[in-house]
C-alpha cells in the first residue's frame, strides 16, 4: 500500500518538475542522445570486429579439417586389403 502511495506521489512531483523545467529536460536530452549514439556506435563496431575475427577463425578450422583427414577414417579399399591380409 505504501509503495503505491509513494509511486503516485513520485509521478505527480515528477510531472510537475517536468512541466516547470521542460527546457532543461530538453537540453539534457540534447546532451545525452549524441553521447548514447557515440557509445552505441563504438559497441557496434567492437561487436562487428569480434564477429569478423570469429568467422576467420572458423574458416581456418574448416580448412585444417579438410587438409588433415581424421586418423579414424579408413577408406573402404584399405579396409578390404586389411581383411585379406588377416
PDB file of N, CA and C in Angstrom:
ATOM      1  N   UNK A   1       0.814  -1.185   0.000  1.00  0.00           N
ATOM      2  CA  UNK A   1       0.000   0.000   0.000  1.00  0.00           C
ATOM      3  C   UNK A   1       0.866   1.260   0.000  1.00  0.00           C
ATOM      4  N   UNK A   2       1.917   1.240   0.859  1.00  0.00           N
ATOM      5  CA  UNK A   2       2.772   2.424   0.944  1.00  0.00           C
ATOM      6  C   UNK A   2       3.553   2.636  -0.347  1.00  0.00           C
ATOM      7  N   UNK A   3       3.931   1.559  -1.007  1.00  0.00           N
ATOM      8  CA  UNK A   3       4.655   1.720  -2.273  1.00  0.00           C
ATOM      9  C   UNK A   3       3.750   2.330  -3.348  1.00  0.00           C
ATOM     10  N   UNK A   4       2.473   1.996  -3.316  1.00  0.00           N
ATOM     11  CA  UNK A   4       1.525   2.579  -4.263  1.00  0.00           C
ATOM     12  C   UNK A   4       1.380   4.080  -4.032  1.00  0.00           C
ATOM     13  N   UNK A   5       1.243   4.473  -2.792  1.00  0.00           N
ATOM     14  CA  UNK A   5       1.125   5.902  -2.460  1.00  0.00           C
ATOM     15  C   UNK A   5       2.421   6.629  -2.823  1.00  0.00           C
ATOM     16  N   UNK A   6       3.548   6.036  -2.507  1.00  0.00           N
ATOM     17  CA  UNK A   6       4.836   6.648  -2.846  1.00  0.00           C
ATOM     18  C   UNK A   6       5.014   6.784  -4.343  1.00  0.00           C
ATOM     19  N   UNK A   7       4.549   5.799  -5.101  1.00  0.00           N
ATOM     20  CA  UNK A   7       4.635   5.851  -6.555  1.00  0.00           C
ATOM     21  C   UNK A   7       3.782   6.953  -7.137  1.00  0.00           C
ATOM     22  N   UNK A   8       2.588   7.100  -6.608  1.00  0.00           N
ATOM     23  CA  UNK A   8       1.695   8.160  -7.089  1.00  0.00           C
ATOM     24  C   UNK A   8       2.301   9.531  -6.800  1.00  0.00           C
ATOM     25  N   UNK A   9       2.852   9.703  -5.603  1.00  0.00           N
ATOM     26  CA  UNK A   9       3.486  10.977  -5.245  1.00  0.00           C
ATOM     27  C   UNK A   9       4.679  11.251  -6.160  1.00  0.00           C
ATOM     28  N   UNK A  10       5.486  10.224  -6.447  1.00  0.00           N
ATOM     29  CA  UNK A  10       6.646  10.392  -7.320  1.00  0.00           C
ATOM     30  C   UNK A  10       6.219  10.801  -8.728  1.00  0.00           C
ATOM     31  N   UNK A  11       5.145  10.212  -9.247  1.00  0.00           N
ATOM     32  CA  UNK A  11       4.650  10.556 -10.586  1.00  0.00           C
ATOM     33  C   UNK A  11       4.178  12.005 -10.618  1.00  0.00           C
ATOM     34  N   UNK A  12       3.437  12.434  -9.596  1.00  0.00           N
ATOM     35  CA  UNK A  12       2.912  13.804  -9.559  1.00  0.00           C
ATOM     36  C   UNK A  12       4.053  14.810  -9.452  1.00  0.00           C
ATOM     37  N   UNK A  13       4.987  14.579  -8.546  1.00  0.00           N
ATOM     38  CA  UNK A  13       6.109  15.506  -8.371  1.00  0.00           C
ATOM     39  C   UNK A  13       6.978  15.513  -9.631  1.00  0.00           C
ATOM     40  N   UNK A  14       7.197  14.352 -10.219  1.00  0.00           N
ATOM     41  CA  UNK A  14       7.986  14.272 -11.450  1.00  0.00           C
ATOM     42  C   UNK A  14       7.329  15.013 -12.594  1.00  0.00           C
ATOM     43  N   UNK A  15       6.013  14.882 -12.730  1.00  0.00           N
ATOM     44  CA  UNK A  15       5.286  15.588 -13.792  1.00  0.00           C
ATOM     45  C   UNK A  15       5.348  17.095 -13.578  1.00  0.00           C
ATOM     46  N   UNK A  16       5.215  17.537 -12.333  1.00  0.00           N
ATOM     47  CA  UNK A  16       5.314  18.973 -12.042  1.00  0.00           C
ATOM     48  C   UNK A  16       6.710  19.500 -12.356  1.00  0.00           C
ATOM     49  N   UNK A  17       7.721  18.734 -11.999  1.00  0.00           N
ATOM     50  CA  UNK A  17       9.096  19.141 -12.295  1.00  0.00           C
ATOM     51  C   UNK A  17       9.367  19.167 -13.790  1.00  0.00           C
ATOM     52  N   UNK A  18       8.819  18.204 -14.514  1.00  0.00           N
ATOM     53  CA  UNK A  18       8.994  18.160 -15.963  1.00  0.00           C
ATOM     54  C   UNK A  18       8.342  19.364 -16.628  1.00  0.00           C
ATOM     55  N   UNK A  19       7.166  19.747 -16.148  1.00  0.00           N
ATOM     56  CA  UNK A  19       6.481  20.918 -16.702  1.00  0.00           C
ATOM     57  C   UNK A  19       7.261  22.193 -16.382  1.00  0.00           C
ATOM     58  N   UNK A  20       7.707  22.302 -15.124  1.00  0.00           N
ATOM     59  CA  UNK A  20       8.401  23.523 -14.691  1.00  0.00           C
ATOM     60  C   UNK A  20       9.755  23.674 -15.376  1.00  0.00           C
ATOM     61  N   UNK A  21      10.513  22.581 -15.506  1.00  0.00           N
ATOM     62  CA  UNK A  21      11.872  22.643 -16.060  1.00  0.00           C
ATOM     63  C   UNK A  21      11.951  21.917 -17.403  1.00  0.00           C
ATOM     64  N   UNK A  22      10.930  22.068 -18.233  1.00  0.00           N
ATOM     65  CA  UNK A  22      10.893  21.361 -19.510  1.00  0.00           C
ATOM     66  C   UNK A  22      12.071  21.757 -20.405  1.00  0.00           C
ATOM     67  N   UNK A  23      12.435  23.038 -20.415  1.00  0.00           N
ATOM     68  CA  UNK A  23      13.557  23.471 -21.263  1.00  0.00           C
ATOM     69  C   UNK A  23      14.859  22.814 -20.814  1.00  0.00           C
ATOM     70  N   UNK A  24      15.053  22.658 -19.502  1.00  0.00           N
ATOM     71  CA  UNK A  24      16.249  21.962 -19.011  1.00  0.00           C
ATOM     72  C   UNK A  24      16.209  20.477 -19.378  1.00  0.00           C
ATOM     73  N   UNK A  25      15.006  19.893 -19.353  1.00  0.00           N
ATOM     74  CA  UNK A  25      14.843  18.493 -19.737  1.00  0.00           C
ATOM     75  C   UNK A  25      15.245  18.293 -21.202  1.00  0.00           C
ATOM     76  N   UNK A  26      14.823  19.221 -22.066  1.00  0.00           N
ATOM     77  CA  UNK A  26      15.154  19.131 -23.490  1.00  0.00           C
ATOM     78  C   UNK A  26      16.656  19.295 -23.688  1.00  0.00           C
ATOM     79  N   UNK A  27      17.268  20.238 -22.962  1.00  0.00           N
ATOM     80  CA  UNK A  27      18.724  20.411 -23.065  1.00  0.00           C
ATOM     81  C   UNK A  27      19.463  19.155 -22.590  1.00  0.00           C
ATOM     82  N   UNK A  28      18.931  18.524 -21.563  1.00  0.00           N
ATOM     83  CA  UNK A  28      19.527  17.273 -21.095  1.00  0.00           C
ATOM     84  C   UNK A  28      19.451  16.184 -22.153  1.00  0.00           C
ATOM     85  N   UNK A  29      18.317  16.113 -22.841  1.00  0.00           N
ATOM     86  CA  UNK A  29      18.188  15.148 -23.928  1.00  0.00           C
ATOM     87  C   UNK A  29      19.152  15.471 -25.070  1.00  0.00           C
ATOM     88  N   UNK A  30      19.286  16.774 -25.366  1.00  0.00           N
ATOM     89  CA  UNK A  30      20.203  17.184 -26.436  1.00  0.00           C
ATOM     90  C   UNK A  30      21.638  16.803 -26.115  1.00  0.00           C
ATOM     91  N   UNK A  31      21.985  16.768 -24.853  1.00  0.00           N
ATOM     92  CA  UNK A  31      23.346  16.389 -24.461  1.00  0.00           C
ATOM     93  C   UNK A  31      23.502  14.872 -24.359  1.00  0.00           C
ATOM     94  N   UNK A  32      22.449  14.206 -23.971  1.00  0.00           N
ATOM     95  CA  UNK A  32      22.531  12.768 -23.718  1.00  0.00           C
ATOM     96  C   UNK A  32      22.448  11.929 -24.986  1.00  0.00           C
ATOM     97  N   UNK A  33      21.596  12.287 -25.912  1.00  0.00           N
ATOM     98  CA  UNK A  33      21.365  11.467 -27.108  1.00  0.00           C
ATOM     99  C   UNK A  33      22.634  11.303 -27.948  1.00  0.00           C
ATOM    100  N   UNK A  34      23.400  12.374 -28.249  1.00  0.00           N
ATOM    101  CA  UNK A  34      24.628  12.152 -29.021  1.00  0.00           C
ATOM    102  C   UNK A  34      25.641  11.261 -28.289  1.00  0.00           C
ATOM    103  N   UNK A  35      25.735  11.431 -26.972  1.00  0.00           N
ATOM    104  CA  UNK A  35      26.660  10.592 -26.207  1.00  0.00           C
ATOM    105  C   UNK A  35      26.245   9.123 -26.286  1.00  0.00           C
ATOM    106  N   UNK A  36      24.965   8.854 -26.189  1.00  0.00           N
ATOM    107  CA  UNK A  36      24.466   7.476 -26.284  1.00  0.00           C
ATOM    108  C   UNK A  36      24.733   6.905 -27.678  1.00  0.00           C
ATOM    109  N   UNK A  37      24.545   7.736 -28.704  1.00  0.00           N
ATOM    110  CA  UNK A  37      24.800   7.269 -30.070  1.00  0.00           C
ATOM    111  C   UNK A  37      26.278   6.941 -30.278  1.00  0.00           C
ATOM    112  N   UNK A  38      27.175   7.776 -29.750  1.00  0.00           N
ATOM    113  CA  UNK A  38      28.614   7.512 -29.894  1.00  0.00           C
ATOM    114  C   UNK A  38      28.984   6.220 -29.179  1.00  0.00           C
ATOM    115  N   UNK A  39      28.530   6.060 -27.939  1.00  0.00           N
ATOM    116  CA  UNK A  39      28.856   4.848 -27.188  1.00  0.00           C
ATOM    117  C   UNK A  39      28.239   3.606 -27.832  1.00  0.00           C
ATOM    118  N   UNK A  40      27.011   3.718 -28.321  1.00  0.00           N
ATOM    119  CA  UNK A  40      26.386   2.590 -29.015  1.00  0.00           C
ATOM    120  C   UNK A  40      27.116   2.238 -30.299  1.00  0.00           C
ATOM    121  N   UNK A  41      27.586   3.262 -31.022  1.00  0.00           N
ATOM    122  CA  UNK A  41      28.350   3.014 -32.246  1.00  0.00           C
ATOM    123  C   UNK A  41      29.659   2.307 -31.967  1.00  0.00           C
ATOM    124  N   UNK A  42      30.339   2.723 -30.906  1.00  0.00           N
ATOM    125  CA  UNK A  42      31.595   2.063 -30.534  1.00  0.00           C
ATOM    126  C   UNK A  42      31.338   0.600 -30.186  1.00  0.00           C
ATOM    127  N   UNK A  43      30.275   0.336 -29.448  1.00  0.00           N
ATOM    128  CA  UNK A  43      29.940  -1.045 -29.088  1.00  0.00           C
ATOM    129  C   UNK A  43      29.607  -1.874 -30.329  1.00  0.00           C
ATOM    130  N   UNK A  44      28.909  -1.271 -31.296  1.00  0.00           N
ATOM    131  CA  UNK A  44      28.559  -1.992 -32.526  1.00  0.00           C
ATOM    132  C   UNK A  44      29.805  -2.303 -33.351  1.00  0.00           C
ATOM    133  N   UNK A  45      30.735  -1.357 -33.433  1.00  0.00           N
ATOM    134  CA  UNK A  45      31.975  -1.599 -34.175  1.00  0.00           C
ATOM    135  C   UNK A  45      32.775  -2.716 -33.514  1.00  0.00           C
ATOM    136  N   UNK A  46      32.872  -2.695 -32.187  1.00  0.00           N
ATOM    137  CA  UNK A  46      33.599  -3.744 -31.471  1.00  0.00           C
ATOM    138  C   UNK A  46      32.955  -5.109 -31.698  1.00  0.00           C
ATOM    139  N   UNK A  47      31.630  -5.168 -31.677  1.00  0.00           N
ATOM    140  CA  UNK A  47      30.935  -6.441 -31.915  1.00  0.00           C
ATOM    141  C   UNK A  47      31.160  -6.921 -33.350  1.00  0.00           C
ATOM    142  N   UNK A  48      31.169  -6.000 -34.303  1.00  0.00           N
ATOM    143  CA  UNK A  48      31.408  -6.374 -35.697  1.00  0.00           C
ATOM    144  C   UNK A  48      32.807  -6.922 -35.909  1.00  0.00           C
ATOM    145  N   UNK A  49      33.800  -6.282 -35.303  1.00  0.00           N
ATOM    146  CA  UNK A  49      35.183  -6.757 -35.425  1.00  0.00           C
ATOM    147  C   UNK A  49      35.320  -8.141 -34.802  1.00  0.00           C
ATOM    148  N   UNK A  50      34.706  -8.337 -33.651  1.00  0.00           N
ATOM    149  CA  UNK A  50      34.747  -9.642 -32.992  1.00  0.00           C
ATOM    150  C   UNK A  50      34.096 -10.715 -33.858  1.00  0.00           C
ATOM    151  N   UNK A  51      32.989 -10.376 -34.495  1.00  0.00           N
ATOM    152  CA  UNK A  51      32.300 -11.330 -35.363  1.00  0.00           C
ATOM    153  C   UNK A  51      33.168 -11.709 -36.566  1.00  0.00           C
ATOM    154  N   UNK A  52      33.842 -10.727 -37.140  1.00  0.00           N
ATOM    155  CA  UNK A  52      34.713 -10.993 -38.287  1.00  0.00           C
ATOM    156  C   UNK A  52      35.867 -11.905 -37.875  1.00  0.00           C
ATOM    157  N   UNK A  53      36.455 -11.643 -36.710  1.00  0.00           N
ATOM    158  CA  UNK A  53      37.548 -12.491 -36.217  1.00  0.00           C
ATOM    159  C   UNK A  53      37.071 -13.920 -36.000  1.00  0.00           C
ATOM    160  N   UNK A  54      35.860 -14.080 -35.450  1.00  0.00           N
ATOM    161  CA  UNK A  54      35.315 -15.418 -35.234  1.00  0.00           C
ATOM    162  C   UNK A  54      35.089 -16.147 -36.560  1.00  0.00           C
ATOM    163  N   UNK A  55      34.590 -15.424 -37.566  1.00  0.00           N
ATOM    164  CA  UNK A  55      34.372 -16.033 -38.880  1.00  0.00           C
ATOM    165  C   UNK A  55      35.681 -16.491 -39.499  1.00  0.00           C
ATOM    166  N   UNK A  56      36.724 -15.678 -39.387  1.00  0.00           N
ATOM    167  CA  UNK A  56      38.031 -16.035 -39.947  1.00  0.00           C
ATOM    168  C   UNK A  56      38.578 -17.274 -39.236  1.00  0.00           C
ATOM    169  N   UNK A  57      38.452 -17.318 -37.908  1.00  0.00           N
ATOM    170  CA  UNK A  57      38.940 -18.475 -37.157  1.00  0.00           C
ATOM    171  C   UNK A  57      38.168 -19.742 -37.544  1.00  0.00           C
ATOM    172  N   UNK A  58      36.866 -19.621 -37.746  1.00  0.00           N
ATOM    173  CA  UNK A  58      36.059 -20.786 -38.132  1.00  0.00           C
ATOM    174  C   UNK A  58      36.463 -21.286 -39.517  1.00  0.00           C
ATOM    175  N   UNK A  59      36.740 -20.359 -40.447  1.00  0.00           N
ATOM    176  CA  UNK A  59      37.174 -20.775 -41.787  1.00  0.00           C
ATOM    177  C   UNK A  59      38.511 -21.491 -41.731  1.00  0.00           C
ATOM    178  N   UNK A  60      39.431 -20.996 -40.899  1.00  0.00           N
ATOM    179  CA  UNK A  60      40.734 -21.654 -40.761  1.00  0.00           C
ATOM    180  C   UNK A  60      40.581 -23.056 -40.212  1.00  0.00           C
ATOM    181  N   UNK A  61      39.698 -23.228 -39.220  1.00  0.00           N
ATOM    182  CA  UNK A  61      39.469 -24.557 -38.653  1.00  0.00           C
ATOM    183  C   UNK A  61      38.894 -25.505 -39.697  1.00  0.00           C
ATOM    184  N   UNK A  62      37.971 -25.032 -40.524  1.00  0.00           N
ATOM    185  CA  UNK A  62      37.395 -25.885 -41.563  1.00  0.00           C
ATOM    186  C   UNK A  62      38.445 -26.288 -42.583  1.00  0.00           C
ATOM    187  N   UNK A  63      39.323 -25.353 -42.961  1.00  0.00           N
ATOM    188  CA  UNK A  63      40.375 -25.669 -43.918  1.00  0.00           C
ATOM    189  C   UNK A  63      41.345 -26.690 -43.341  1.00  0.00           C
ATOM    190  N   UNK A  64      41.676 -26.558 -42.057  1.00  0.00           N
ATOM    191  CA  UNK A  64      42.579 -27.516 -41.428  1.00  0.00           C
ATOM    192  C   UNK A  64      41.952 -28.899 -41.360  1.00  0.00           C
ATOM    193  N   UNK A  65      40.657 -28.977 -41.117  1.00  0.00           N
ATOM    194  CA  UNK A  65      39.966 -30.261 -41.069  1.00  0.00           C
ATOM    195  C   UNK A  65      39.956 -30.919 -42.441  1.00  0.00           C
ATOM    196  N   UNK A  66      39.802 -30.125 -43.498  1.00  0.00           N
ATOM    197  CA  UNK A  66      39.797 -30.676 -44.848  1.00  0.00           C
ATOM    198  C   UNK A  66      41.182 -31.179 -45.237  1.00  0.00           C
ATOM    199  N   UNK A  67      42.230 -30.476 -44.840  1.00  0.00           N
ATOM    200  CA  UNK A  67      43.594 -30.862 -45.210  1.00  0.00           C
ATOM    201  C   UNK A  67      44.062 -32.094 -44.466  1.00  0.00           C
ATOM    202  N   UNK A  68      43.687 -32.237 -43.207  1.00  0.00           N
ATOM    203  CA  UNK A  68      44.121 -33.363 -42.393  1.00  0.00           C
ATOM    204  C   UNK A  68      42.934 -34.273 -42.116  1.00  0.00           C
ATOM    205  N   UNK A  69      42.784 -35.351 -42.873  1.00  0.00           N
ATOM    206  CA  UNK A  69      41.663 -36.256 -42.602  1.00  0.00           C
ATOM    207  C   UNK A  69      41.867 -36.933 -41.246  1.00  0.00           C
ATOM    208  N   UNK A  70      40.797 -37.289 -40.624  1.00  0.00           N
ATOM    209  CA  UNK A  70      40.868 -37.917 -39.311  1.00  0.00           C
ATOM    210  C   UNK A  70      41.543 -39.270 -39.417  1.00  0.00           C
ATOM    211  N   UNK A  71      42.299 -39.618 -38.384  1.00  0.00           N
ATOM    212  CA  UNK A  71      43.021 -40.895 -38.370  1.00  0.00           C
ATOM    213  C   UNK A  71      42.054 -42.068 -38.339  1.00  0.00           C
ATOM    214  N   UNK A  72      40.879 -41.860 -37.804  1.00  0.00           N
ATOM    215  CA  UNK A  72      39.904 -42.932 -37.693  1.00  0.00           C
ATOM    216  C   UNK A  72      39.252 -43.266 -39.024  1.00  0.00           C
ATOM    217  N   UNK A  73      39.308 -42.330 -39.970  1.00  0.00           N
ATOM    218  CA  UNK A  73      38.696 -42.576 -41.269  1.00  0.00           C
ATOM    219  C   UNK A  73      39.537 -43.588 -42.044  1.00  0.00           C
ATOM    220  N   UNK A  74      38.905 -44.647 -42.479  1.00  0.00           N
ATOM    221  CA  UNK A  74      39.583 -45.657 -43.272  1.00  0.00           C
ATOM    222  C   UNK A  74      38.778 -45.839 -44.544  1.00  0.00           C
ATOM    223  N   UNK A  75      39.472 -45.751 -45.663  1.00  0.00           N
ATOM    224  CA  UNK A  75      38.790 -45.907 -46.938  1.00  0.00           C
ATOM    225  C   UNK A  75      38.329 -47.352 -47.094  1.00  0.00           C
ATOM    226  N   UNK A  76      37.256 -47.581 -47.798  1.00  0.00           N
ATOM    227  CA  UNK A  76      36.761 -48.956 -47.971  1.00  0.00           C
ATOM    228  C   UNK A  76      37.792 -49.870 -48.627  1.00  0.00           C
ATOM    229  N   UNK A  77      38.597 -49.341 -49.569  1.00  0.00           N
ATOM    230  CA  UNK A  77      39.594 -50.189 -50.215  1.00  0.00           C
ATOM    231  C   UNK A  77      40.653 -50.642 -49.226  1.00  0.00           C
ATOM    232  N   UNK A  78      41.072 -49.729 -48.340  1.00  0.00           N
ATOM    233  CA  UNK A  78      42.077 -50.076 -47.342  1.00  0.00           C
ATOM    234  C   UNK A  78      41.531 -51.111 -46.370  1.00  0.00           C
ATOM    235  N   UNK A  79      40.260 -51.011 -46.070  1.00  0.00           N
ATOM    236  CA  UNK A  79      39.642 -51.942 -45.139  1.00  0.00           C
ATOM    237  C   UNK A  79      39.611 -53.344 -45.750  1.00  0.00           C
ATOM    238  N   UNK A  80      39.318 -53.431 -47.053  1.00  0.00           N
ATOM    239  CA  UNK A  80      39.275 -54.743 -47.715  1.00  0.00           C
ATOM    240  C   UNK A  80      40.674 -55.356 -47.730  1.00  0.00           C
ATOM    241  N   UNK A  81      41.705 -54.531 -47.974  1.00  0.00           N
ATOM    242  CA  UNK A  81      43.069 -55.055 -48.004  1.00  0.00           C
ATOM    243  C   UNK A  81      43.473 -55.563 -46.631  1.00  0.00           C
ATOM    244  N   UNK A  82      43.065 -54.866 -45.563  1.00  0.00           N
ATOM    245  CA  UNK A  82      43.381 -55.307 -44.212  1.00  0.00           C
ATOM    246  C   UNK A  82      42.709 -56.652 -43.915  1.00  0.00           C
ATOM    247  N   UNK A  83      41.475 -56.813 -44.384  1.00  0.00           N
ATOM    248  CA  UNK A  83      40.748 -58.068 -44.146  1.00  0.00           C
ATOM    249  C   UNK A  83      41.415 -59.216 -44.900  1.00  0.00           C
ATOM    250  N   UNK A  84      41.897 -58.980 -46.099  1.00  0.00           N
ATOM    251  CA  UNK A  84      42.539 -60.030 -46.893  1.00  0.00           C
ATOM    252  C   UNK A  84      43.847 -60.468 -46.269  1.00  0.00           C
ATOM    253  N   UNK A  85      44.606 -59.535 -45.696  1.00  0.00           N
ATOM    254  CA  UNK A  85      45.923 -59.877 -45.137  1.00  0.00           C
ATOM    255  C   UNK A  85      45.793 -60.671 -43.844  1.00  0.00           C
ATOM    256  N   UNK A  86      44.674 -60.594 -43.178  1.00  0.00           N
ATOM    257  CA  UNK A  86      44.495 -61.335 -41.931  1.00  0.00           C
ATOM    258  C   UNK A  86      44.123 -62.728 -42.218  1.00  0.00           C
TER     259      UNK A  86
END
